[in-house]
């Protein structure tokens, strides 16, 4: 008597795999819902994001409201990546600090709605200031430097700062916490040059956050440095390399051309006047270069 053939395992697995493929997006969305991260940039606008195009499998909508103050409102300005909503931008007029803030993420996936509530937020704890600007270094007495800066953040009294610096001989950065907008380095070596950065965050009197601004554009001081610490001196170098040198080169070519032409023709030419102008320009350039190339030496107290 012939024995019945045994079922092939693969024939049983095929329907299971097809079912898992159909349920995959639902299982992924339910197993790892996107978290919501909100940041208030310089009190000018706020973004709330919940993932990226690579991690999201559904198009989400965001609704927000302030506790005991306003109705539920849908986001008016979505941030998208290739057609998928990955965040929301709120303008300054839509932001209310010191009021509990809530968001609700609503996801539509294959006719099914998924709602992912967020935690209660305090917007004053989500502020990220803009990086400090106008860094300036002053050479004080007794080998001391003083670094100052300004902040684009509208409430300077709500900021604390961090300054990091190192010399060209150091292998690591030194960082200091600063309450105001002045930092003093008590002792420097005028044979070295130093690089400084500053960043800011909201202090404990105005919020509770660890969101630091980006580091500022660096400022450099010392001998052998291409920047002497102020924007005005950097502008002087720009004018020398981009304006004065090309102008002087053109003037020299013109003088040589006129000199050659004078030898070929008898009529009078403006050559003597141009030579006088060239001598004055050469004297000015020599004086300017001697001042800029001179190493900067700290003043010492007697």
C-alpha atoms as a PDB file:
ATOM      1  CA  UNK A   1       0.000   0.000   0.000  1.00  0.00           C
ATOM      2  CA  UNK A   2       1.463   3.406  -1.000  1.00  0.00           C
ATOM      3  CA  UNK A   3       2.224   5.787   1.839  1.00  0.00           C
ATOM      4  CA  UNK A   4       0.767   9.317   1.558  1.00  0.00           C
ATOM      5  CA  UNK A   5       3.294  11.978   0.560  1.00  0.00           C
ATOM      6  CA  UNK A   6       4.430  14.287   3.387  1.00  0.00           C
ATOM      7  CA  UNK A   7       3.545  17.980   3.123  1.00  0.00           C
ATOM      8  CA  UNK A   8       6.388  20.175   1.951  1.00  0.00           C
ATOM      9  CA  UNK A   9       7.326  22.737   4.676  1.00  0.00           C
ATOM     10  CA  UNK A  10       7.776  25.425   2.047  1.00  0.00           C
ATOM     11  CA  UNK A  11       4.176  25.139   0.949  1.00  0.00           C
ATOM     12  CA  UNK A  12       3.115  25.960   4.508  1.00  0.00           C
ATOM     13  CA  UNK A  13       5.542  28.868   4.933  1.00  0.00           C
ATOM     14  CA  UNK A  14       4.499  30.741   1.797  1.00  0.00           C
ATOM     15  CA  UNK A  15       1.078  31.903   3.133  1.00  0.00           C
ATOM     16  CA  UNK A  16       2.692  32.856   6.463  1.00  0.00           C
ATOM     17  CA  UNK A  17       5.350  34.958   4.740  1.00  0.00           C
ATOM     18  CA  UNK A  18       2.752  36.676   2.579  1.00  0.00           C
ATOM     19  CA  UNK A  19       0.712  37.493   5.682  1.00  0.00           C
ATOM     20  CA  UNK A  20       3.750  38.922   7.465  1.00  0.00           C
ATOM     21  CA  UNK A  21       4.580  41.049   4.413  1.00  0.00           C
ATOM     22  CA  UNK A  22       1.071  42.519   4.444  1.00  0.00           C
ATOM     23  CA  UNK A  23       1.186  43.164   8.186  1.00  0.00           C
ATOM     24  CA  UNK A  24       4.797  44.373   8.198  1.00  0.00           C
ATOM     25  CA  UNK A  25       4.087  48.126   7.936  1.00  0.00           C
ATOM     26  CA  UNK A  26       1.446  47.908  10.683  1.00  0.00           C
ATOM     27  CA  UNK A  27       3.737  45.967  12.988  1.00  0.00           C
ATOM     28  CA  UNK A  28       6.643  48.356  12.355  1.00  0.00           C
ATOM     29  CA  UNK A  29       4.542  51.445  12.998  1.00  0.00           C
ATOM     30  CA  UNK A  30       3.000  49.971  16.146  1.00  0.00           C
ATOM     31  CA  UNK A  31       6.274  48.579  17.511  1.00  0.00           C
ATOM     32  CA  UNK A  32       8.475  51.661  17.087  1.00  0.00           C
ATOM     33  CA  UNK A  33       6.374  54.830  17.008  1.00  0.00           C
ATOM     34  CA  UNK A  34       8.413  57.932  16.215  1.00  0.00           C
ATOM     35  CA  UNK A  35       9.379  60.152  19.106  1.00  0.00           C
ATOM     36  CA  UNK A  36       8.669  63.863  18.918  1.00  0.00           C
ATOM     37  CA  UNK A  37      11.532  66.327  19.440  1.00  0.00           C
ATOM     38  CA  UNK A  38      10.724  70.044  19.619  1.00  0.00           C
ATOM     39  CA  UNK A  39      13.333  72.836  19.632  1.00  0.00           C
ATOM     40  CA  UNK A  40      12.618  76.571  19.941  1.00  0.00           C
ATOM     41  CA  UNK A  41      15.306  78.390  17.940  1.00  0.00           C
ATOM     42  CA  UNK A  42      16.272  81.765  19.401  1.00  0.00           C
ATOM     43  CA  UNK A  43      12.578  82.330  20.305  1.00  0.00           C
ATOM     44  CA  UNK A  44      11.931  83.055  16.611  1.00  0.00           C
ATOM     45  CA  UNK A  45      10.437  79.753  15.451  1.00  0.00           C
ATOM     46  CA  UNK A  46      10.081  76.150  16.616  1.00  0.00           C
ATOM     47  CA  UNK A  47      10.402  72.811  14.861  1.00  0.00           C
ATOM     48  CA  UNK A  48       8.938  69.515  16.027  1.00  0.00           C
ATOM     49  CA  UNK A  49      10.346  66.480  14.205  1.00  0.00           C
ATOM     50  CA  UNK A  50       9.502  62.781  14.475  1.00  0.00           C
ATOM     51  CA  UNK A  51      11.849  60.862  12.206  1.00  0.00           C
ATOM     52  CA  UNK A  52      13.302  60.757   8.707  1.00  0.00           C
ATOM     53  CA  UNK A  53      12.268  59.515   5.291  1.00  0.00           C
ATOM     54  CA  UNK A  54      14.273  56.317   5.831  1.00  0.00           C
ATOM     55  CA  UNK A  55      12.584  55.425   9.148  1.00  0.00           C
ATOM     56  CA  UNK A  56       8.986  56.517   8.503  1.00  0.00           C
ATOM     57  CA  UNK A  57       6.507  54.240   6.738  1.00  0.00           C
ATOM     58  CA  UNK A  58       3.457  56.488   6.961  1.00  0.00           C
ATOM     59  CA  UNK A  59       2.491  60.131   6.475  1.00  0.00           C
ATOM     60  CA  UNK A  60       1.955  61.808   9.830  1.00  0.00           C
ATOM     61  CA  UNK A  61      -0.034  64.875  10.824  1.00  0.00           C
ATOM     62  CA  UNK A  62       0.681  66.973  13.903  1.00  0.00           C
ATOM     63  CA  UNK A  63      -1.897  68.623  16.166  1.00  0.00           C
ATOM     64  CA  UNK A  64      -0.942  70.851  19.082  1.00  0.00           C
ATOM     65  CA  UNK A  65      -2.573  72.786  21.900  1.00  0.00           C
ATOM     66  CA  UNK A  66      -1.745  74.703  25.066  1.00  0.00           C
ATOM     67  CA  UNK A  67      -3.182  73.410  28.300  1.00  0.00           C
ATOM     68  CA  UNK A  68      -6.318  75.287  29.429  1.00  0.00           C
ATOM     69  CA  UNK A  69      -5.718  78.004  26.869  1.00  0.00           C
ATOM     70  CA  UNK A  70      -6.407  77.171  23.220  1.00  0.00           C
ATOM     71  CA  UNK A  71      -8.209  74.615  21.034  1.00  0.00           C
ATOM     72  CA  UNK A  72      -6.454  71.829  19.153  1.00  0.00           C
ATOM     73  CA  UNK A  73      -4.779  73.181  15.985  1.00  0.00           C
ATOM     74  CA  UNK A  74      -3.212  71.275  13.098  1.00  0.00           C
ATOM     75  CA  UNK A  75       0.264  72.179  11.894  1.00  0.00           C
ATOM     76  CA  UNK A  76       0.199  74.802   9.158  1.00  0.00           C
ATOM     77  CA  UNK A  77       3.765  74.323   7.871  1.00  0.00           C
ATOM     78  CA  UNK A  78       4.930  70.723   7.495  1.00  0.00           C
ATOM     79  CA  UNK A  79       8.562  69.776   6.911  1.00  0.00           C
ATOM     80  CA  UNK A  80       8.746  67.119   4.220  1.00  0.00           C
ATOM     81  CA  UNK A  81      11.354  64.780   2.804  1.00  0.00           C
ATOM     82  CA  UNK A  82      10.436  63.384  -0.631  1.00  0.00           C
ATOM     83  CA  UNK A  83       6.724  63.616   0.028  1.00  0.00           C
ATOM     84  CA  UNK A  84       6.794  62.262   3.601  1.00  0.00           C
ATOM     85  CA  UNK A  85       6.022  64.635   6.495  1.00  0.00           C
ATOM     86  CA  UNK A  86       8.897  64.447   8.986  1.00  0.00           C
ATOM     87  CA  UNK A  87       8.211  67.544  11.074  1.00  0.00           C
ATOM     88  CA  UNK A  88       6.326  70.773  11.661  1.00  0.00           C
ATOM     89  CA  UNK A  89       7.457  74.399  11.880  1.00  0.00           C
ATOM     90  CA  UNK A  90       5.648  76.827  14.184  1.00  0.00           C
ATOM     91  CA  UNK A  91       6.123  80.548  13.659  1.00  0.00           C
ATOM     92  CA  UNK A  92       6.754  83.026  16.451  1.00  0.00           C
ATOM     93  CA  UNK A  93       3.086  84.069  16.597  1.00  0.00           C
ATOM     94  CA  UNK A  94       2.097  80.461  17.364  1.00  0.00           C
ATOM     95  CA  UNK A  95       4.502  80.053  20.311  1.00  0.00           C
ATOM     96  CA  UNK A  96       3.503  80.639  23.941  1.00  0.00           C
ATOM     97  CA  UNK A  97       6.143  80.111  26.607  1.00  0.00           C
ATOM     98  CA  UNK A  98       5.437  79.181  30.249  1.00  0.00           C
ATOM     99  CA  UNK A  99       2.280  77.323  29.180  1.00  0.00           C
ATOM    100  CA  UNK A 100       2.156  73.486  29.111  1.00  0.00           C
ATOM    101  CA  UNK A 101       2.390  72.408  25.460  1.00  0.00           C
ATOM    102  CA  UNK A 102       1.006  69.180  23.966  1.00  0.00           C
ATOM    103  CA  UNK A 103       1.266  67.589  20.525  1.00  0.00           C
ATOM    104  CA  UNK A 104      -0.531  64.612  19.007  1.00  0.00           C
ATOM    105  CA  UNK A 105       0.873  62.687  16.057  1.00  0.00           C
ATOM    106  CA  UNK A 106      -1.800  61.239  13.785  1.00  0.00           C
ATOM    107  CA  UNK A 107      -0.654  58.616  11.256  1.00  0.00           C
ATOM    108  CA  UNK A 108      -2.726  57.210   8.400  1.00  0.00           C
ATOM    109  CA  UNK A 109      -1.520  53.822   7.177  1.00  0.00           C
ATOM    110  CA  UNK A 110      -3.545  51.722   4.748  1.00  0.00           C
ATOM    111  CA  UNK A 111      -6.862  53.064   5.989  1.00  0.00           C
ATOM    112  CA  UNK A 112      -5.860  52.613   9.629  1.00  0.00           C
ATOM    113  CA  UNK A 113      -5.280  55.579  11.966  1.00  0.00           C
ATOM    114  CA  UNK A 114      -2.497  55.524  14.543  1.00  0.00           C
ATOM    115  CA  UNK A 115      -2.354  58.220  17.245  1.00  0.00           C
ATOM    116  CA  UNK A 116       0.840  58.760  19.185  1.00  0.00           C
ATOM    117  CA  UNK A 117       0.542  61.268  22.056  1.00  0.00           C
ATOM    118  CA  UNK A 118       3.651  63.079  23.270  1.00  0.00           C
ATOM    119  CA  UNK A 119       4.765  64.088  26.726  1.00  0.00           C
ATOM    120  CA  UNK A 120       3.803  67.408  28.242  1.00  0.00           C
ATOM    121  CA  UNK A 121       6.368  70.088  27.299  1.00  0.00           C
ATOM    122  CA  UNK A 122       7.445  73.470  28.642  1.00  0.00           C
ATOM    123  CA  UNK A 123       8.674  75.579  25.744  1.00  0.00           C
ATOM    124  CA  UNK A 124      11.005  77.746  27.854  1.00  0.00           C
ATOM    125  CA  UNK A 125      12.975  74.530  28.457  1.00  0.00           C
ATOM    126  CA  UNK A 126      13.366  73.890  24.716  1.00  0.00           C
ATOM    127  CA  UNK A 127      15.080  77.150  23.687  1.00  0.00           C
ATOM    128  CA  UNK A 128      18.278  76.912  21.639  1.00  0.00           C
ATOM    129  CA  UNK A 129      19.944  80.342  21.265  1.00  0.00           C
ATOM    130  CA  UNK A 130      21.742  81.483  18.154  1.00  0.00           C
ATOM    131  CA  UNK A 131      25.534  81.393  18.275  1.00  0.00           C
ATOM    132  CA  UNK A 132      27.358  84.496  19.623  1.00  0.00           C
ATOM    133  CA  UNK A 133      28.745  87.017  17.115  1.00  0.00           C
ATOM    134  CA  UNK A 134      31.206  89.947  16.996  1.00  0.00           C
ATOM    135  CA  UNK A 135      33.974  88.242  18.960  1.00  0.00           C
ATOM    136  CA  UNK A 136      36.665  90.825  19.771  1.00  0.00           C
ATOM    137  CA  UNK A 137      39.968  90.480  21.633  1.00  0.00           C
ATOM    138  CA  UNK A 138      41.607  93.353  23.525  1.00  0.00           C
ATOM    139  CA  UNK A 139      45.219  93.278  24.703  1.00  0.00           C
ATOM    140  CA  UNK A 140      45.217  94.360  28.340  1.00  0.00           C
ATOM    141  CA  UNK A 141      48.169  95.057  30.646  1.00  0.00           C
ATOM    142  CA  UNK A 142      50.266  92.355  32.345  1.00  0.00           C
ATOM    143  CA  UNK A 143      50.038  89.847  29.455  1.00  0.00           C
ATOM    144  CA  UNK A 144      46.252  89.635  29.804  1.00  0.00           C
ATOM    145  CA  UNK A 145      43.659  89.210  27.046  1.00  0.00           C
ATOM    146  CA  UNK A 146      40.005  90.196  27.239  1.00  0.00           C
ATOM    147  CA  UNK A 147      37.475  88.518  24.945  1.00  0.00           C
ATOM    148  CA  UNK A 148      34.031  90.091  24.404  1.00  0.00           C
ATOM    149  CA  UNK A 149      31.061  89.152  22.217  1.00  0.00           C
ATOM    150  CA  UNK A 150      27.399  89.865  21.578  1.00  0.00           C
ATOM    151  CA  UNK A 151      24.438  87.514  21.257  1.00  0.00           C
ATOM    152  CA  UNK A 152      21.551  87.644  18.759  1.00  0.00           C
ATOM    153  CA  UNK A 153      19.294  86.187  21.474  1.00  0.00           C
ATOM    154  CA  UNK A 154      16.835  88.905  22.554  1.00  0.00           C
ATOM    155  CA  UNK A 155      17.194  88.301  26.339  1.00  0.00           C
ATOM    156  CA  UNK A 156      20.903  88.557  27.124  1.00  0.00           C
ATOM    157  CA  UNK A 157      20.238  88.331  30.874  1.00  0.00           C
ATOM    158  CA  UNK A 158      18.894  84.799  30.357  1.00  0.00           C
ATOM    159  CA  UNK A 159      22.139  83.440  28.918  1.00  0.00           C
ATOM    160  CA  UNK A 160      25.211  81.716  30.242  1.00  0.00           C
ATOM    161  CA  UNK A 161      28.205  81.050  28.038  1.00  0.00           C
ATOM    162  CA  UNK A 162      31.077  78.670  27.479  1.00  0.00           C
ATOM    163  CA  UNK A 163      34.452  79.770  26.097  1.00  0.00           C
ATOM    164  CA  UNK A 164      36.955  77.297  24.687  1.00  0.00           C
ATOM    165  CA  UNK A 165      40.453  78.163  23.561  1.00  0.00           C
ATOM    166  CA  UNK A 166      43.884  76.738  22.848  1.00  0.00           C
ATOM    167  CA  UNK A 167      47.222  77.914  21.510  1.00  0.00           C
ATOM    168  CA  UNK A 168      49.090  76.554  18.526  1.00  0.00           C
ATOM    169  CA  UNK A 169      51.251  74.568  20.981  1.00  0.00           C
ATOM    170  CA  UNK A 170      48.324  72.942  22.842  1.00  0.00           C
ATOM    171  CA  UNK A 171      46.888  69.538  21.921  1.00  0.00           C
ATOM    172  CA  UNK A 172      43.530  69.934  23.692  1.00  0.00           C
ATOM    173  CA  UNK A 173      40.952  72.658  24.281  1.00  0.00           C
ATOM    174  CA  UNK A 174      40.444  74.455  27.593  1.00  0.00           C
ATOM    175  CA  UNK A 175      36.813  75.336  28.341  1.00  0.00           C
ATOM    176  CA  UNK A 176      35.373  77.761  30.916  1.00  0.00           C
ATOM    177  CA  UNK A 177      31.808  78.599  31.947  1.00  0.00           C
ATOM    178  CA  UNK A 178      31.084  82.348  31.874  1.00  0.00           C
ATOM    179  CA  UNK A 179      28.093  84.226  33.308  1.00  0.00           C
ATOM    180  CA  UNK A 180      28.489  87.526  31.476  1.00  0.00           C
ATOM    181  CA  UNK A 181      29.708  88.420  27.988  1.00  0.00           C
ATOM    182  CA  UNK A 182      33.355  89.051  28.964  1.00  0.00           C
ATOM    183  CA  UNK A 183      36.127  86.502  29.400  1.00  0.00           C
ATOM    184  CA  UNK A 184      39.649  87.312  30.608  1.00  0.00           C
ATOM    185  CA  UNK A 185      42.699  85.161  30.040  1.00  0.00           C
ATOM    186  CA  UNK A 186      45.126  86.287  32.769  1.00  0.00           C
ATOM    187  CA  UNK A 187      48.392  85.125  31.214  1.00  0.00           C
ATOM    188  CA  UNK A 188      49.383  84.507  27.603  1.00  0.00           C
ATOM    189  CA  UNK A 189      52.621  83.812  25.759  1.00  0.00           C
ATOM    190  CA  UNK A 190      53.155  86.392  23.021  1.00  0.00           C
ATOM    191  CA  UNK A 191      55.250  83.869  21.070  1.00  0.00           C
ATOM    192  CA  UNK A 192      52.090  81.768  20.535  1.00  0.00           C
ATOM    193  CA  UNK A 193      48.786  82.456  18.834  1.00  0.00           C
ATOM    194  CA  UNK A 194      45.423  81.530  20.357  1.00  0.00           C
ATOM    195  CA  UNK A 195      42.062  80.469  18.914  1.00  0.00           C
ATOM    196  CA  UNK A 196      38.802  81.215  20.766  1.00  0.00           C
ATOM    197  CA  UNK A 197      35.194  79.987  20.380  1.00  0.00           C
ATOM    198  CA  UNK A 198      32.051  80.919  22.345  1.00  0.00           C
ATOM    199  CA  UNK A 199      28.624  79.261  22.671  1.00  0.00           C
ATOM    200  CA  UNK A 200      25.522  80.030  24.786  1.00  0.00           C
ATOM    201  CA  UNK A 201      22.559  78.420  26.497  1.00  0.00           C
ATOM    202  CA  UNK A 202      19.600  79.496  28.629  1.00  0.00           C
ATOM    203  CA  UNK A 203      20.549  79.834  32.293  1.00  0.00           C
ATOM    204  CA  UNK A 204      18.674  78.326  35.231  1.00  0.00           C
ATOM    205  CA  UNK A 205      16.799  81.583  35.951  1.00  0.00           C
ATOM    206  CA  UNK A 206      14.942  81.504  32.621  1.00  0.00           C
ATOM    207  CA  UNK A 207      14.587  77.794  31.887  1.00  0.00           C
ATOM    208  CA  UNK A 208      15.867  74.291  32.414  1.00  0.00           C
ATOM    209  CA  UNK A 209      17.699  73.087  29.314  1.00  0.00           C
ATOM    210  CA  UNK A 210      20.930  71.568  28.091  1.00  0.00           C
ATOM    211  CA  UNK A 211      20.475  72.874  24.537  1.00  0.00           C
ATOM    212  CA  UNK A 212      23.619  74.812  23.696  1.00  0.00           C
ATOM    213  CA  UNK A 213      23.925  77.058  20.675  1.00  0.00           C
ATOM    214  CA  UNK A 214      26.381  76.169  17.948  1.00  0.00           C
ATOM    215  CA  UNK A 215      29.952  77.322  18.486  1.00  0.00           C
ATOM    216  CA  UNK A 216      30.673  80.800  17.161  1.00  0.00           C
ATOM    217  CA  UNK A 217      32.964  81.642  14.291  1.00  0.00           C
ATOM    218  CA  UNK A 218      36.495  81.518  15.762  1.00  0.00           C
ATOM    219  CA  UNK A 219      38.642  84.536  16.540  1.00  0.00           C
ATOM    220  CA  UNK A 220      42.453  84.292  16.564  1.00  0.00           C
ATOM    221  CA  UNK A 221      45.072  86.372  18.387  1.00  0.00           C
ATOM    222  CA  UNK A 222      48.867  86.344  18.595  1.00  0.00           C
ATOM    223  CA  UNK A 223      52.041  86.372  16.544  1.00  0.00           C
ATOM    224  CA  UNK A 224      52.056  84.425  13.266  1.00  0.00           C
ATOM    225  CA  UNK A 225      48.258  84.590  13.102  1.00  0.00           C
ATOM    226  CA  UNK A 226      46.499  85.712   9.964  1.00  0.00           C
ATOM    227  CA  UNK A 227      43.796  87.377  12.043  1.00  0.00           C
ATOM    228  CA  UNK A 228      44.617  89.825  14.824  1.00  0.00           C
ATOM    229  CA  UNK A 229      41.345  89.515  16.594  1.00  0.00           C
ATOM    230  CA  UNK A 230      39.055  92.097  15.072  1.00  0.00           C
ATOM    231  CA  UNK A 231      36.882  92.203  12.008  1.00  0.00           C
ATOM    232  CA  UNK A 232      38.404  95.558  11.022  1.00  0.00           C
ATOM    233  CA  UNK A 233      41.907  94.103  10.743  1.00  0.00           C
ATOM    234  CA  UNK A 234      40.615  91.138   8.757  1.00  0.00           C
ATOM    235  CA  UNK A 235      38.961  93.644   6.405  1.00  0.00           C
ATOM    236  CA  UNK A 236      42.288  95.413   5.972  1.00  0.00           C
ATOM    237  CA  UNK A 237      43.851  92.175   4.761  1.00  0.00           C
ATOM    238  CA  UNK A 238      41.005  91.723   2.317  1.00  0.00           C
ATOM    239  CA  UNK A 239      41.582  95.174   0.848  1.00  0.00           C
ATOM    240  CA  UNK A 240      45.312  94.543   0.520  1.00  0.00           C
ATOM    241  CA  UNK A 241      45.023  91.223  -1.283  1.00  0.00           C
ATOM    242  CA  UNK A 242      41.904  91.881  -3.326  1.00  0.00           C
ATOM    243  CA  UNK A 243      42.190  95.614  -4.135  1.00  0.00           C
ATOM    244  CA  UNK A 244      45.553  97.260  -3.474  1.00  0.00           C
ATOM    245  CA  UNK A 245      47.823  94.571  -4.896  1.00  0.00           C
ATOM    246  CA  UNK A 246      45.844  94.170  -8.168  1.00  0.00           C
ATOM    247  CA  UNK A 247      45.621  97.977  -8.502  1.00  0.00           C
ATOM    248  CA  UNK A 248      49.343  98.391  -7.922  1.00  0.00           C
ATOM    249  CA  UNK A 249      50.082  95.680 -10.500  1.00  0.00           C
ATOM    250  CA  UNK A 250      47.901  97.407 -13.106  1.00  0.00           C
ATOM    251  CA  UNK A 251      49.537 100.751 -12.360  1.00  0.00           C
ATOM    252  CA  UNK A 252      53.014  99.258 -12.786  1.00  0.00           C
ATOM    253  CA  UNK A 253      52.054  97.761 -16.144  1.00  0.00           C
ATOM    254  CA  UNK A 254      50.685 101.130 -17.246  1.00  0.00           C
ATOM    255  CA  UNK A 255      53.903 102.918 -16.263  1.00  0.00           C
ATOM    256  CA  UNK A 256      56.021 100.397 -18.141  1.00  0.00           C
ATOM    257  CA  UNK A 257      53.776 100.677 -21.192  1.00  0.00           C
ATOM    258  CA  UNK A 258      53.976 104.462 -21.216  1.00  0.00           C
ATOM    259  CA  UNK A 259      57.726 104.325 -20.700  1.00  0.00           C
ATOM    260  CA  UNK A 260      58.092 102.147 -23.785  1.00  0.00           C
ATOM    261  CA  UNK A 261      55.797 104.422 -25.776  1.00  0.00           C
ATOM    262  CA  UNK A 262      57.777 107.495 -24.695  1.00  0.00           C
ATOM    263  CA  UNK A 263      60.934 106.030 -26.120  1.00  0.00           C
ATOM    264  CA  UNK A 264      59.214 105.491 -29.476  1.00  0.00           C
ATOM    265  CA  UNK A 265      57.533 108.892 -29.830  1.00  0.00           C
ATOM    266  CA  UNK A 266      58.679 112.435 -29.266  1.00  0.00           C
ATOM    267  CA  UNK A 267      55.429 114.138 -28.063  1.00  0.00           C
ATOM    268  CA  UNK A 268      55.195 114.809 -24.301  1.00  0.00           C
ATOM    269  CA  UNK A 269      53.393 112.244 -22.160  1.00  0.00           C
ATOM    270  CA  UNK A 270      51.926 112.091 -18.631  1.00  0.00           C
ATOM    271  CA  UNK A 271      54.756 109.751 -17.607  1.00  0.00           C
ATOM    272  CA  UNK A 272      56.396 112.052 -15.005  1.00  0.00           C
ATOM    273  CA  UNK A 273      53.068 112.497 -13.221  1.00  0.00           C
ATOM    274  CA  UNK A 274      52.413 108.732 -13.240  1.00  0.00           C
ATOM    275  CA  UNK A 275      55.886 108.030 -11.913  1.00  0.00           C
ATOM    276  CA  UNK A 276      55.258 110.440  -9.064  1.00  0.00           C
ATOM    277  CA  UNK A 277      51.945 108.695  -8.347  1.00  0.00           C
ATOM    278  CA  UNK A 278      53.655 105.301  -8.411  1.00  0.00           C
ATOM    279  CA  UNK A 279      56.295 106.436  -5.894  1.00  0.00           C
ATOM    280  CA  UNK A 280      53.575 107.673  -3.533  1.00  0.00           C
ATOM    281  CA  UNK A 281      51.637 104.411  -3.861  1.00  0.00           C
ATOM    282  CA  UNK A 282      54.770 102.321  -3.247  1.00  0.00           C
ATOM    283  CA  UNK A 283      55.573 104.327  -0.114  1.00  0.00           C
ATOM    284  CA  UNK A 284      52.018 103.827   1.228  1.00  0.00           C
ATOM    285  CA  UNK A 285      52.113 100.079   0.568  1.00  0.00           C
ATOM    286  CA  UNK A 286      55.506  99.712   2.268  1.00  0.00           C
ATOM    287  CA  UNK A 287      54.255 101.498   5.361  1.00  0.00           C
ATOM    288  CA  UNK A 288      51.059  99.423   5.503  1.00  0.00           C
ATOM    289  CA  UNK A 289      52.889  96.100   5.104  1.00  0.00           C
ATOM    290  CA  UNK A 290      55.446  97.013   7.780  1.00  0.00           C
ATOM    291  CA  UNK A 291      52.634  97.620  10.275  1.00  0.00           C
ATOM    292  CA  UNK A 292      50.658  94.492   9.466  1.00  0.00           C
ATOM    293  CA  UNK A 293      53.636  92.104   9.343  1.00  0.00           C
ATOM    294  CA  UNK A 294      55.055  93.251  12.645  1.00  0.00           C
ATOM    295  CA  UNK A 295      54.458  90.539  15.345  1.00  0.00           C
ATOM    296  CA  UNK A 296      52.050  91.605  18.038  1.00  0.00           C
ATOM    297  CA  UNK A 297      53.790  92.031  21.408  1.00  0.00           C
ATOM    298  CA  UNK A 298      51.890  92.297  24.650  1.00  0.00           C
ATOM    299  CA  UNK A 299      52.417  95.410  26.699  1.00  0.00           C
ATOM    300  CA  UNK A 300      54.138  94.823  29.991  1.00  0.00           C
ATOM    301  CA  UNK A 301      53.728  96.818  33.150  1.00  0.00           C
ATOM    302  CA  UNK A 302      56.839  98.482  34.402  1.00  0.00           C
END
